[in-house]
Amino acid sequence: MVGSHLPRRAQVPDHRRRARGRTEHDSCRYAYDYGDTAKLAPVVKMYTLGHDFIPEPIHAGGLRYHGMSPQVSLLKHEGFIEARSVHQRPSFAAGIQFARTKV
């Protein structure tokens, strides 16, 4: 859905497009990786922590997958969007604010 709007929006120089992620994503790399830990899913190019990444057992922040979608990864890699690390509480607060204002 976002991809269909990028060519038009990319022409607007002051329009900022940002992907927000939590600080664990600082160690991501853009590489081909399996979509699952069993190595049964297709290998795709994405920003990934590695298919063998396991979050902390008490982790409550929602990070359950080791990679970013291939489409979003490509947009970031090609410079259409920026990625910024955000700590968990401000990230949740922004999500709640968005949910309350979205009609």
PDB file of N, CA and C in Angstrom:
ATOM      1  N   MET A   1       0.821  -1.183   0.000  1.00  0.00           N
ATOM      2  CA  MET A   1       0.000   0.000   0.000  1.00  0.00           C
ATOM      3  C   MET A   1       0.871   1.256   0.000  1.00  0.00           C
ATOM      4  N   VAL A   2       1.914   1.268   0.803  1.00  0.00           N
ATOM      5  CA  VAL A   2       2.808   2.422   0.848  1.00  0.00           C
ATOM      6  C   VAL A   2       3.554   2.569  -0.468  1.00  0.00           C
ATOM      7  N   GLY A   3       3.968   1.453  -1.050  1.00  0.00           N
ATOM      8  CA  GLY A   3       4.751   1.484  -2.270  1.00  0.00           C
ATOM      9  C   GLY A   3       4.085   2.219  -3.414  1.00  0.00           C
ATOM     10  N   SER A   4       2.766   2.145  -3.514  1.00  0.00           N
ATOM     11  CA  SER A   4       2.073   2.818  -4.609  1.00  0.00           C
ATOM     12  C   SER A   4       2.116   4.334  -4.484  1.00  0.00           C
ATOM     13  N   HIS A   5       2.381   4.857  -3.294  1.00  0.00           N
ATOM     14  CA  HIS A   5       2.426   6.302  -3.082  1.00  0.00           C
ATOM     15  C   HIS A   5       3.835   6.863  -3.106  1.00  0.00           C
ATOM     16  N   LEU A   6       4.845   6.030  -3.119  1.00  0.00           N
ATOM     17  CA  LEU A   6       6.215   6.523  -3.036  1.00  0.00           C
ATOM     18  C   LEU A   6       6.670   7.375  -4.204  1.00  0.00           C
ATOM     19  N   PRO A   7       6.414   6.997  -5.455  1.00  0.00           N
ATOM     20  CA  PRO A   7       6.913   7.859  -6.538  1.00  0.00           C
ATOM     21  C   PRO A   7       6.404   9.293  -6.432  1.00  0.00           C
ATOM     22  N   ARG A   8       5.134   9.482  -6.099  1.00  0.00           N
ATOM     23  CA  ARG A   8       4.575  10.822  -5.975  1.00  0.00           C
ATOM     24  C   ARG A   8       5.172  11.537  -4.766  1.00  0.00           C
ATOM     25  N   ARG A   9       5.261  10.876  -3.631  1.00  0.00           N
ATOM     26  CA  ARG A   9       5.778  11.500  -2.422  1.00  0.00           C
ATOM     27  C   ARG A   9       7.282  11.709  -2.476  1.00  0.00           C
ATOM     28  N   ALA A  10       7.986  10.888  -3.213  1.00  0.00           N
ATOM     29  CA  ALA A  10       9.444  11.015  -3.291  1.00  0.00           C
ATOM     30  C   ALA A  10       9.853  12.324  -3.949  1.00  0.00           C
ATOM     31  N   GLN A  11       8.959  12.935  -4.710  1.00  0.00           N
ATOM     32  CA  GLN A  11       9.256  14.193  -5.385  1.00  0.00           C
ATOM     33  C   GLN A  11       9.146  15.384  -4.445  1.00  0.00           C
ATOM     34  N   VAL A  12       8.541  15.202  -3.269  1.00  0.00           N
ATOM     35  CA  VAL A  12       8.390  16.278  -2.301  1.00  0.00           C
ATOM     36  C   VAL A  12       9.607  16.261  -1.386  1.00  0.00           C
ATOM     37  N   PRO A  13      10.503  17.257  -1.494  1.00  0.00           N
ATOM     38  CA  PRO A  13      11.780  17.187  -0.782  1.00  0.00           C
ATOM     39  C   PRO A  13      11.674  17.232   0.733  1.00  0.00           C
ATOM     40  N   ASP A  14      10.682  17.911   1.302  1.00  0.00           N
ATOM     41  CA  ASP A  14      10.636  18.035   2.757  1.00  0.00           C
ATOM     42  C   ASP A  14       9.741  16.979   3.406  1.00  0.00           C
ATOM     43  N   HIS A  15       9.235  16.062   2.635  1.00  0.00           N
ATOM     44  CA  HIS A  15       8.388  15.007   3.193  1.00  0.00           C
ATOM     45  C   HIS A  15       9.278  13.936   3.818  1.00  0.00           C
ATOM     46  N   ARG A  16       9.155  13.730   5.120  1.00  0.00           N
ATOM     47  CA  ARG A  16       9.998  12.774   5.834  1.00  0.00           C
ATOM     48  C   ARG A  16       9.283  11.438   5.958  1.00  0.00           C
ATOM     49  N   ARG A  17       9.988  10.376   5.614  1.00  0.00           N
ATOM     50  CA  ARG A  17       9.447   9.027   5.749  1.00  0.00           C
ATOM     51  C   ARG A  17      10.380   8.282   6.690  1.00  0.00           C
ATOM     52  N   ARG A  18       9.839   7.817   7.809  1.00  0.00           N
ATOM     53  CA  ARG A  18      10.695   7.154   8.792  1.00  0.00           C
ATOM     54  C   ARG A  18      10.102   5.819   9.202  1.00  0.00           C
ATOM     55  N   ALA A  19      10.965   4.862   9.341  1.00  0.00           N
ATOM     56  CA  ALA A  19      10.595   3.578   9.929  1.00  0.00           C
ATOM     57  C   ALA A  19      11.131   3.592  11.351  1.00  0.00           C
ATOM     58  N   ARG A  20      10.286   3.296  12.287  1.00  0.00           N
ATOM     59  CA  ARG A  20      10.707   3.305  13.689  1.00  0.00           C
ATOM     60  C   ARG A  20      10.890   1.889  14.181  1.00  0.00           C
ATOM     61  N   GLY A  21      11.934   1.688  14.900  1.00  0.00           N
ATOM     62  CA  GLY A  21      12.192   0.377  15.468  1.00  0.00           C
ATOM     63  C   GLY A  21      12.801   0.525  16.839  1.00  0.00           C
ATOM     64  N   ARG A  22      12.812  -0.540  17.578  1.00  0.00           N
ATOM     65  CA  ARG A  22      13.382  -0.505  18.913  1.00  0.00           C
ATOM     66  C   ARG A  22      14.890  -0.665  18.832  1.00  0.00           C
ATOM     67  N   THR A  23      15.576  -0.371  19.899  1.00  0.00           N
ATOM     68  CA  THR A  23      17.028  -0.292  19.870  1.00  0.00           C
ATOM     69  C   THR A  23      17.719  -1.630  19.608  1.00  0.00           C
ATOM     70  N   GLU A  24      17.039  -2.757  19.781  1.00  0.00           N
ATOM     71  CA  GLU A  24      17.643  -4.038  19.458  1.00  0.00           C
ATOM     72  C   GLU A  24      17.995  -4.127  17.975  1.00  0.00           C
ATOM     73  N   HIS A  25      17.336  -3.337  17.153  1.00  0.00           N
ATOM     74  CA  HIS A  25      17.554  -3.400  15.715  1.00  0.00           C
ATOM     75  C   HIS A  25      18.850  -2.737  15.276  1.00  0.00           C
ATOM     76  N   ASP A  26      19.608  -2.179  16.215  1.00  0.00           N
ATOM     77  CA  ASP A  26      20.865  -1.538  15.844  1.00  0.00           C
ATOM     78  C   ASP A  26      21.852  -2.513  15.218  1.00  0.00           C
ATOM     79  N   SER A  27      21.734  -3.795  15.520  1.00  0.00           N
ATOM     80  CA  SER A  27      22.676  -4.775  14.989  1.00  0.00           C
ATOM     81  C   SER A  27      22.161  -5.469  13.730  1.00  0.00           C
ATOM     82  N   CYS A  28      21.125  -4.929  13.117  1.00  0.00           N
ATOM     83  CA  CYS A  28      20.591  -5.521  11.890  1.00  0.00           C
ATOM     84  C   CYS A  28      21.576  -5.362  10.741  1.00  0.00           C
ATOM     85  N   ARG A  29      21.512  -6.299   9.818  1.00  0.00           N
ATOM     86  CA  ARG A  29      22.316  -6.198   8.592  1.00  0.00           C
ATOM     87  C   ARG A  29      21.396  -6.503   7.415  1.00  0.00           C
ATOM     88  N   TYR A  30      21.699  -5.922   6.265  1.00  0.00           N
ATOM     89  CA  TYR A  30      20.917  -6.158   5.054  1.00  0.00           C
ATOM     90  C   TYR A  30      21.522  -7.350   4.351  1.00  0.00           C
ATOM     91  N   ALA A  31      20.841  -8.484   4.403  1.00  0.00           N
ATOM     92  CA  ALA A  31      21.412  -9.720   3.873  1.00  0.00           C
ATOM     93  C   ALA A  31      20.300 -10.714   3.545  1.00  0.00           C
ATOM     94  N   TYR A  32      20.655 -11.740   2.808  1.00  0.00           N
ATOM     95  CA  TYR A  32      19.729 -12.840   2.581  1.00  0.00           C
ATOM     96  C   TYR A  32      19.659 -13.671   3.853  1.00  0.00           C
ATOM     97  N   ASP A  33      18.442 -13.997   4.287  1.00  0.00           N
ATOM     98  CA  ASP A  33      18.268 -14.779   5.498  1.00  0.00           C
ATOM     99  C   ASP A  33      16.995 -15.610   5.380  1.00  0.00           C
ATOM    100  N   TYR A  34      16.956 -16.670   6.161  1.00  0.00           N
ATOM    101  CA  TYR A  34      15.759 -17.509   6.212  1.00  0.00           C
ATOM    102  C   TYR A  34      14.642 -16.766   6.933  1.00  0.00           C
ATOM    103  N   GLY A  35      13.424 -17.071   6.565  1.00  0.00           N
ATOM    104  CA  GLY A  35      12.278 -16.450   7.215  1.00  0.00           C
ATOM    105  C   GLY A  35      11.906 -17.099   8.527  1.00  0.00           C
ATOM    106  N   ASP A  36      12.558 -18.206   8.880  1.00  0.00           N
ATOM    107  CA  ASP A  36      12.242 -18.897  10.133  1.00  0.00           C
ATOM    108  C   ASP A  36      13.492 -19.569  10.694  1.00  0.00           C
ATOM    109  N   THR A  37      13.409 -19.960  11.963  1.00  0.00           N
ATOM    110  CA  THR A  37      14.568 -20.581  12.611  1.00  0.00           C
ATOM    111  C   THR A  37      14.828 -22.000  12.122  1.00  0.00           C
ATOM    112  N   ALA A  38      13.812 -22.666  11.585  1.00  0.00           N
ATOM    113  CA  ALA A  38      13.990 -24.031  11.087  1.00  0.00           C
ATOM    114  C   ALA A  38      14.608 -24.071   9.688  1.00  0.00           C
ATOM    115  N   LYS A  39      14.770 -22.927   9.075  1.00  0.00           N
ATOM    116  CA  LYS A  39      15.338 -22.795   7.729  1.00  0.00           C
ATOM    117  C   LYS A  39      14.472 -23.495   6.674  1.00  0.00           C
ATOM    118  N   LEU A  40      13.155 -23.447   6.866  1.00  0.00           N
ATOM    119  CA  LEU A  40      12.230 -24.043   5.906  1.00  0.00           C
ATOM    120  C   LEU A  40      11.591 -22.996   4.995  1.00  0.00           C
ATOM    121  N   ALA A  41      11.495 -21.772   5.481  1.00  0.00           N
ATOM    122  CA  ALA A  41      10.892 -20.697   4.690  1.00  0.00           C
ATOM    123  C   ALA A  41      11.881 -20.234   3.625  1.00  0.00           C
ATOM    124  N   PRO A  42      11.384 -19.580   2.583  1.00  0.00           N
ATOM    125  CA  PRO A  42      12.292 -19.086   1.528  1.00  0.00           C
ATOM    126  C   PRO A  42      13.309 -18.085   2.077  1.00  0.00           C
ATOM    127  N   VAL A  43      14.462 -18.042   1.468  1.00  0.00           N
ATOM    128  CA  VAL A  43      15.490 -17.061   1.818  1.00  0.00           C
ATOM    129  C   VAL A  43      15.149 -15.775   1.089  1.00  0.00           C
ATOM    130  N   VAL A  44      15.100 -14.662   1.827  1.00  0.00           N
ATOM    131  CA  VAL A  44      14.780 -13.359   1.244  1.00  0.00           C
ATOM    132  C   VAL A  44      15.788 -12.334   1.732  1.00  0.00           C
ATOM    133  N   LYS A  45      15.959 -11.266   0.976  1.00  0.00           N
ATOM    134  CA  LYS A  45      16.872 -10.202   1.379  1.00  0.00           C
ATOM    135  C   LYS A  45      16.108  -9.218   2.252  1.00  0.00           C
ATOM    136  N   MET A  46      16.638  -8.993   3.443  1.00  0.00           N
ATOM    137  CA  MET A  46      15.961  -8.127   4.405  1.00  0.00           C
ATOM    138  C   MET A  46      16.965  -7.648   5.447  1.00  0.00           C
ATOM    139  N   TYR A  47      16.565  -6.629   6.205  1.00  0.00           N
ATOM    140  CA  TYR A  47      17.331  -6.268   7.382  1.00  0.00           C
ATOM    141  C   TYR A  47      16.988  -7.303   8.440  1.00  0.00           C
ATOM    142  N   THR A  48      18.010  -7.940   8.996  1.00  0.00           N
ATOM    143  CA  THR A  48      17.784  -9.076   9.876  1.00  0.00           C
ATOM    144  C   THR A  48      18.754  -9.086  11.054  1.00  0.00           C
ATOM    145  N   LEU A  49      18.292  -9.633  12.146  1.00  0.00           N
ATOM    146  CA  LEU A  49      19.143  -9.899  13.303  1.00  0.00           C
ATOM    147  C   LEU A  49      19.759 -11.283  13.195  1.00  0.00           C
ATOM    148  N   GLY A  50      19.356 -12.044  12.192  1.00  0.00           N
ATOM    149  CA  GLY A  50      19.808 -13.418  12.006  1.00  0.00           C
ATOM    150  C   GLY A  50      18.707 -14.385  12.392  1.00  0.00           C
ATOM    151  N   HIS A  51      18.491 -15.413  11.582  1.00  0.00           N
ATOM    152  CA  HIS A  51      17.386 -16.339  11.836  1.00  0.00           C
ATOM    153  C   HIS A  51      17.541 -17.101  13.146  1.00  0.00           C
ATOM    154  N   ASP A  52      18.743 -17.094  13.723  1.00  0.00           N
ATOM    155  CA  ASP A  52      18.953 -17.764  15.004  1.00  0.00           C
ATOM    156  C   ASP A  52      18.783 -16.825  16.203  1.00  0.00           C
ATOM    157  N   PHE A  53      18.321 -15.591  15.965  1.00  0.00           N
ATOM    158  CA  PHE A  53      18.086 -14.624  17.044  1.00  0.00           C
ATOM    159  C   PHE A  53      16.959 -15.107  17.943  1.00  0.00           C
ATOM    160  N   ILE A  54      17.180 -15.058  19.242  1.00  0.00           N
ATOM    161  CA  ILE A  54      16.149 -15.412  20.218  1.00  0.00           C
ATOM    162  C   ILE A  54      16.050 -14.264  21.223  1.00  0.00           C
ATOM    163  N   PRO A  55      14.870 -13.637  21.358  1.00  0.00           N
ATOM    164  CA  PRO A  55      14.742 -12.543  22.316  1.00  0.00           C
ATOM    165  C   PRO A  55      14.805 -13.063  23.753  1.00  0.00           C
ATOM    166  N   GLU A  56      15.020 -12.169  24.686  1.00  0.00           N
ATOM    167  CA  GLU A  56      15.038 -12.536  26.100  1.00  0.00           C
ATOM    168  C   GLU A  56      13.701 -13.165  26.485  1.00  0.00           C
ATOM    169  N   PRO A  57      13.704 -14.164  27.378  1.00  0.00           N
ATOM    170  CA  PRO A  57      12.463 -14.836  27.757  1.00  0.00           C
ATOM    171  C   PRO A  57      11.430 -13.902  28.395  1.00  0.00           C
ATOM    172  N   ILE A  58      11.890 -12.845  29.082  1.00  0.00           N
ATOM    173  CA  ILE A  58      10.952 -11.941  29.730  1.00  0.00           C
ATOM    174  C   ILE A  58      10.636 -10.733  28.852  1.00  0.00           C
ATOM    175  N   HIS A  59      11.069 -10.760  27.626  1.00  0.00           N
ATOM    176  CA  HIS A  59      10.873  -9.633  26.710  1.00  0.00           C
ATOM    177  C   HIS A  59       9.383  -9.454  26.431  1.00  0.00           C
ATOM    178  N   ALA A  60       8.869  -8.275  26.695  1.00  0.00           N
ATOM    179  CA  ALA A  60       7.443  -8.011  26.497  1.00  0.00           C
ATOM    180  C   ALA A  60       7.194  -6.989  25.404  1.00  0.00           C
ATOM    181  N   GLY A  61       8.213  -6.595  24.678  1.00  0.00           N
ATOM    182  CA  GLY A  61       8.079  -5.519  23.715  1.00  0.00           C
ATOM    183  C   GLY A  61       7.503  -5.895  22.365  1.00  0.00           C
ATOM    184  N   GLY A  62       7.248  -7.144  22.128  1.00  0.00           N
ATOM    185  CA  GLY A  62       6.636  -7.539  20.879  1.00  0.00           C
ATOM    186  C   GLY A  62       7.599  -8.016  19.817  1.00  0.00           C
ATOM    187  N   LEU A  63       8.899  -7.992  20.061  1.00  0.00           N
ATOM    188  CA  LEU A  63       9.851  -8.453  19.068  1.00  0.00           C
ATOM    189  C   LEU A  63       9.838  -9.976  19.047  1.00  0.00           C
ATOM    190  N   ARG A  64       9.176 -10.533  18.068  1.00  0.00           N
ATOM    191  CA  ARG A  64       9.065 -11.983  17.971  1.00  0.00           C
ATOM    192  C   ARG A  64       9.643 -12.505  16.661  1.00  0.00           C
ATOM    193  N   TYR A  65      10.061 -11.619  15.799  1.00  0.00           N
ATOM    194  CA  TYR A  65      10.589 -12.010  14.499  1.00  0.00           C
ATOM    195  C   TYR A  65      11.946 -11.366  14.316  1.00  0.00           C
ATOM    196  N   HIS A  66      12.831 -12.045  13.663  1.00  0.00           N
ATOM    197  CA  HIS A  66      14.215 -11.600  13.551  1.00  0.00           C
ATOM    198  C   HIS A  66      14.479 -10.617  12.412  1.00  0.00           C
ATOM    199  N   GLY A  67      13.521 -10.428  11.516  1.00  0.00           N
ATOM    200  CA  GLY A  67      13.783  -9.583  10.359  1.00  0.00           C
ATOM    201  C   GLY A  67      12.663  -8.603  10.065  1.00  0.00           C
ATOM    202  N   MET A  68      12.957  -7.689   9.149  1.00  0.00           N
ATOM    203  CA  MET A  68      11.980  -6.726   8.681  1.00  0.00           C
ATOM    204  C   MET A  68      11.442  -7.218   7.336  1.00  0.00           C
ATOM    205  N   SER A  69      10.245  -6.844   6.989  1.00  0.00           N
ATOM    206  CA  SER A  69       9.678  -7.311   5.731  1.00  0.00           C
ATOM    207  C   SER A  69      10.597  -6.944   4.567  1.00  0.00           C
ATOM    208  N   PRO A  70      10.689  -7.795   3.557  1.00  0.00           N
ATOM    209  CA  PRO A  70      11.557  -7.488   2.407  1.00  0.00           C
ATOM    210  C   PRO A  70      11.205  -6.170   1.716  1.00  0.00           C
ATOM    211  N   GLN A  71       9.911  -5.827   1.661  1.00  0.00           N
ATOM    212  CA  GLN A  71       9.510  -4.581   1.005  1.00  0.00           C
ATOM    213  C   GLN A  71      10.009  -3.366   1.782  1.00  0.00           C
ATOM    214  N   VAL A  72       9.822  -3.367   3.102  1.00  0.00           N
ATOM    215  CA  VAL A  72      10.287  -2.247   3.921  1.00  0.00           C
ATOM    216  C   VAL A  72      11.811  -2.204   3.925  1.00  0.00           C
ATOM    217  N   SER A  73      12.451  -3.368   3.958  1.00  0.00           N
ATOM    218  CA  SER A  73      13.915  -3.423   3.915  1.00  0.00           C
ATOM    219  C   SER A  73      14.455  -2.788   2.643  1.00  0.00           C
ATOM    220  N   LEU A  74      13.837  -3.073   1.513  1.00  0.00           N
ATOM    221  CA  LEU A  74      14.288  -2.496   0.248  1.00  0.00           C
ATOM    222  C   LEU A  74      14.095  -0.986   0.238  1.00  0.00           C
ATOM    223  N   LEU A  75      12.971  -0.501   0.760  1.00  0.00           N
ATOM    224  CA  LEU A  75      12.733   0.952   0.817  1.00  0.00           C
ATOM    225  C   LEU A  75      13.811   1.639   1.652  1.00  0.00           C
ATOM    226  N   LYS A  76      14.193   1.022   2.764  1.00  0.00           N
ATOM    227  CA  LYS A  76      15.242   1.597   3.608  1.00  0.00           C
ATOM    228  C   LYS A  76      16.595   1.525   2.903  1.00  0.00           C
ATOM    229  N   HIS A  77      16.888   0.383   2.304  1.00  0.00           N
ATOM    230  CA  HIS A  77      18.175   0.197   1.625  1.00  0.00           C
ATOM    231  C   HIS A  77      18.351   1.177   0.461  1.00  0.00           C
ATOM    232  N   GLU A  78      17.274   1.468  -0.258  1.00  0.00           N
ATOM    233  CA  GLU A  78      17.336   2.388  -1.402  1.00  0.00           C
ATOM    234  C   GLU A  78      17.212   3.853  -0.992  1.00  0.00           C
ATOM    235  N   GLY A  79      17.015   4.125   0.305  1.00  0.00           N
ATOM    236  CA  GLY A  79      16.982   5.506   0.786  1.00  0.00           C
ATOM    237  C   GLY A  79      15.632   6.179   0.735  1.00  0.00           C
ATOM    238  N   PHE A  80      14.548   5.442   0.484  1.00  0.00           N
ATOM    239  CA  PHE A  80      13.218   6.051   0.452  1.00  0.00           C
ATOM    240  C   PHE A  80      12.690   6.349   1.846  1.00  0.00           C
ATOM    241  N   ILE A  81      13.137   5.599   2.839  1.00  0.00           N
ATOM    242  CA  ILE A  81      12.739   5.833   4.218  1.00  0.00           C
ATOM    243  C   ILE A  81      13.982   5.810   5.093  1.00  0.00           C
ATOM    244  N   GLU A  82      13.862   6.395   6.273  1.00  0.00           N
ATOM    245  CA  GLU A  82      14.930   6.376   7.264  1.00  0.00           C
ATOM    246  C   GLU A  82      14.512   5.419   8.375  1.00  0.00           C
ATOM    247  N   ALA A  83      15.470   4.880   9.070  1.00  0.00           N
ATOM    248  CA  ALA A  83      15.188   4.044  10.235  1.00  0.00           C
ATOM    249  C   ALA A  83      15.810   4.692  11.457  1.00  0.00           C
ATOM    250  N   ARG A  84      15.069   4.739  12.525  1.00  0.00           N
ATOM    251  CA  ARG A  84      15.557   5.298  13.780  1.00  0.00           C
ATOM    252  C   ARG A  84      15.255   4.320  14.904  1.00  0.00           C
ATOM    253  N   SER A  85      16.164   4.204  15.831  1.00  0.00           N
ATOM    254  CA  SER A  85      15.939   3.368  17.009  1.00  0.00           C
ATOM    255  C   SER A  85      15.194   4.176  18.061  1.00  0.00           C
ATOM    256  N   VAL A  86      14.228   3.550  18.672  1.00  0.00           N
ATOM    257  CA  VAL A  86      13.424   4.187  19.712  1.00  0.00           C
ATOM    258  C   VAL A  86      13.299   3.200  20.864  1.00  0.00           C
ATOM    259  N   HIS A  87      13.451   3.683  22.084  1.00  0.00           N
ATOM    260  CA  HIS A  87      13.272   2.805  23.233  1.00  0.00           C
ATOM    261  C   HIS A  87      11.813   2.376  23.347  1.00  0.00           C
ATOM    262  N   GLN A  88      11.601   1.308  24.083  1.00  0.00           N
ATOM    263  CA  GLN A  88      10.294   0.653  24.136  1.00  0.00           C
ATOM    264  C   GLN A  88       9.159   1.566  24.609  1.00  0.00           C
ATOM    265  N   ARG A  89       9.317   2.264  25.710  1.00  0.00           N
ATOM    266  CA  ARG A  89       8.204   3.073  26.250  1.00  0.00           C
ATOM    267  C   ARG A  89       7.776   4.200  25.306  1.00  0.00           C
ATOM    268  N   PRO A  90       8.698   5.002  24.757  1.00  0.00           N
ATOM    269  CA  PRO A  90       8.252   6.024  23.800  1.00  0.00           C
ATOM    270  C   PRO A  90       7.607   5.413  22.559  1.00  0.00           C
ATOM    271  N   SER A  91       8.081   4.248  22.145  1.00  0.00           N
ATOM    272  CA  SER A  91       7.495   3.573  20.988  1.00  0.00           C
ATOM    273  C   SER A  91       6.049   3.170  21.274  1.00  0.00           C
ATOM    274  N   PHE A  92       5.811   2.584  22.453  1.00  0.00           N
ATOM    275  CA  PHE A  92       4.451   2.203  22.835  1.00  0.00           C
ATOM    276  C   PHE A  92       3.557   3.429  22.980  1.00  0.00           C
ATOM    277  N   ALA A  93       4.090   4.501  23.571  1.00  0.00           N
ATOM    278  CA  ALA A  93       3.307   5.730  23.741  1.00  0.00           C
ATOM    279  C   ALA A  93       2.875   6.292  22.391  1.00  0.00           C
ATOM    280  N   ALA A  94       3.768   6.264  21.407  1.00  0.00           N
ATOM    281  CA  ALA A  94       3.420   6.747  20.066  1.00  0.00           C
ATOM    282  C   ALA A  94       2.357   5.860  19.431  1.00  0.00           C
ATOM    283  N   GLY A  95       2.459   4.540  19.640  1.00  0.00           N
ATOM    284  CA  GLY A  95       1.451   3.622  19.110  1.00  0.00           C
ATOM    285  C   GLY A  95       0.085   3.860  19.722  1.00  0.00           C
ATOM    286  N   ILE A  96       0.045   4.114  21.015  1.00  0.00           N
ATOM    287  CA  ILE A  96      -1.224   4.400  21.688  1.00  0.00           C
ATOM    288  C   ILE A  96      -1.809   5.707  21.182  1.00  0.00           C
ATOM    289  N   GLN A  97      -0.954   6.725  21.036  1.00  0.00           N
ATOM    290  CA  GLN A  97      -1.432   8.009  20.515  1.00  0.00           C
ATOM    291  C   GLN A  97      -2.001   7.844  19.111  1.00  0.00           C
ATOM    292  N   PHE A  98      -1.315   7.084  18.270  1.00  0.00           N
ATOM    293  CA  PHE A  98      -1.793   6.844  16.904  1.00  0.00           C
ATOM    294  C   PHE A  98      -3.142   6.116  16.931  1.00  0.00           C
ATOM    295  N   ALA A  99      -3.241   5.083  17.759  1.00  0.00           N
ATOM    296  CA  ALA A  99      -4.487   4.316  17.836  1.00  0.00           C
ATOM    297  C   ALA A  99      -5.662   5.168  18.316  1.00  0.00           C
ATOM    298  N   ARG A 100      -5.400   6.092  19.215  1.00  0.00           N
ATOM    299  CA  ARG A 100      -6.481   6.940  19.735  1.00  0.00           C
ATOM    300  C   ARG A 100      -6.912   8.020  18.758  1.00  0.00           C
ATOM    301  N   THR A 101      -6.001   8.443  17.878  1.00  0.00           N
ATOM    302  CA  THR A 101      -6.340   9.520  16.932  1.00  0.00           C
ATOM    303  C   THR A 101      -6.801   8.989  15.587  1.00  0.00           C
ATOM    304  N   LYS A 102      -6.494   7.739  15.277  1.00  0.00           N
ATOM    305  CA  LYS A 102      -6.885   7.149  13.995  1.00  0.00           C
ATOM    306  C   LYS A 102      -8.378   6.847  14.026  1.00  0.00           C
ATOM    307  N   VAL A 103      -9.089   7.368  13.047  1.00  0.00           N
ATOM    308  CA  VAL A 103     -10.540   7.137  13.006  1.00  0.00           C
ATOM    309  C   VAL A 103     -10.885   6.179  11.907  1.00  0.00           C
TER     310      VAL A 103
END
